[in-house]
Amino acid sequence: MIPIAFKEHNMIFAKGQPQYKQLPAHENKEGKVITCWKMSFTEWWKFLFTGRIWLTVLTFNNPLQPLKPEINKPAIG
């Protein structure tokens, strides 16, 4: 999957850090961060048959933050 920009994004994580992919995001004043990802055709096809998404989080040995994968676009604001 690749992260994609969306109309409401107001920041980009990893901007100017070539070792990471840039991550367009919307961050609100309460600290809620929303990102948008697009599946390749192969990923979509595999998901259609397995119904699974794997999520890897790089915590760098810090506490894991709550995560919420969604199919529908969440409320932004």
Protein backbone atom coordinates (compact mmCIF):
# COMPACT_ATOMS: atom_id res chain seq x y z
CA MET A 1 0.00 0.00 0.00
CA ILE A 2 1.11 3.54 -0.56
CA PRO A 3 0.16 6.64 1.43
CA ILE A 4 -1.69 9.21 -0.65
CA ALA A 5 -2.38 12.91 -0.25
CA PHE A 6 -5.99 13.97 0.30
CA LYS A 7 -7.80 17.33 0.25
CA GLU A 8 -7.74 17.87 4.03
CA HIS A 9 -4.09 16.90 4.69
CA ASN A 10 -2.31 19.68 6.55
CA MET A 11 1.11 18.15 7.18
CA ILE A 12 3.57 15.60 5.82
CA PHE A 13 5.44 13.25 8.14
CA ALA A 14 9.04 12.44 7.15
CA LYS A 15 9.33 15.45 4.88
CA GLY A 16 13.02 15.86 4.07
CA GLN A 17 13.89 12.41 5.49
CA PRO A 18 14.89 10.31 2.46
CA GLN A 19 15.18 7.11 4.53
CA TYR A 20 11.37 7.14 4.98
CA LYS A 21 8.40 7.50 2.63
CA GLN A 22 6.56 10.78 3.04
CA LEU A 23 3.21 10.44 4.81
CA PRO A 24 0.54 13.07 4.08
CA ALA A 25 -1.73 13.46 7.10
CA HIS A 26 -4.36 15.60 8.78
CA GLU A 27 -3.60 16.39 12.41
CA ASN A 28 -6.10 18.20 14.60
CA LYS A 29 -5.48 20.15 17.81
CA GLU A 30 -6.37 17.13 19.98
CA GLY A 31 -3.60 15.07 18.36
CA LYS A 32 -5.79 12.89 16.13
CA VAL A 33 -3.84 11.98 12.99
CA ILE A 34 -5.59 10.69 9.85
CA THR A 35 -3.79 9.22 6.84
CA CYS A 36 -5.06 7.68 3.60
CA TRP A 37 -3.59 4.62 1.85
CA LYS A 38 -4.19 3.07 -1.56
CA MET A 39 -3.88 -0.63 -2.39
CA SER A 40 -2.28 -1.82 -5.60
CA PHE A 41 -4.45 -4.03 -7.79
CA THR A 42 -2.58 -7.11 -6.53
CA GLU A 43 -3.08 -6.08 -2.89
CA TRP A 44 -6.77 -5.37 -3.50
CA TRP A 45 -7.25 -8.74 -5.19
CA LYS A 46 -5.52 -10.57 -2.33
CA PHE A 47 -7.57 -8.64 0.26
CA LEU A 48 -10.76 -9.53 -1.62
CA PHE A 49 -10.02 -13.22 -1.09
CA THR A 50 -8.40 -13.20 2.36
CA GLY A 51 -10.11 -10.22 4.07
CA ARG A 52 -6.84 -9.53 5.90
CA ILE A 53 -4.66 -6.46 6.37
CA TRP A 54 -1.38 -6.69 8.27
CA LEU A 55 -0.22 -3.62 10.18
CA THR A 56 3.42 -3.09 11.17
CA VAL A 57 4.17 -0.23 13.57
CA LEU A 58 7.69 0.99 14.22
CA THR A 59 7.62 2.00 17.90
CA PHE A 60 11.39 2.31 18.35
CA ASN A 61 10.79 0.65 21.74
CA ASN A 62 8.34 3.34 22.85
CA PRO A 63 4.78 2.52 24.01
CA LEU A 64 2.36 1.54 21.25
CA GLN A 65 -0.25 4.20 20.54
CA PRO A 66 -3.89 3.30 19.80
CA LEU A 67 -4.52 2.49 16.12
CA LYS A 68 -7.81 2.30 14.23
CA PRO A 69 -7.73 0.98 10.65
CA GLU A 70 -10.94 1.89 8.82
CA ILE A 71 -12.55 1.40 5.43
CA ASN A 72 -14.76 4.52 5.57
CA LYS A 73 -13.28 8.01 5.63
CA PRO A 74 -13.34 9.23 9.25
CA ALA A 75 -14.70 12.64 10.26
CA ILE A 76 -11.96 15.22 9.83
CA GLY A 77 -11.88 18.26 12.01
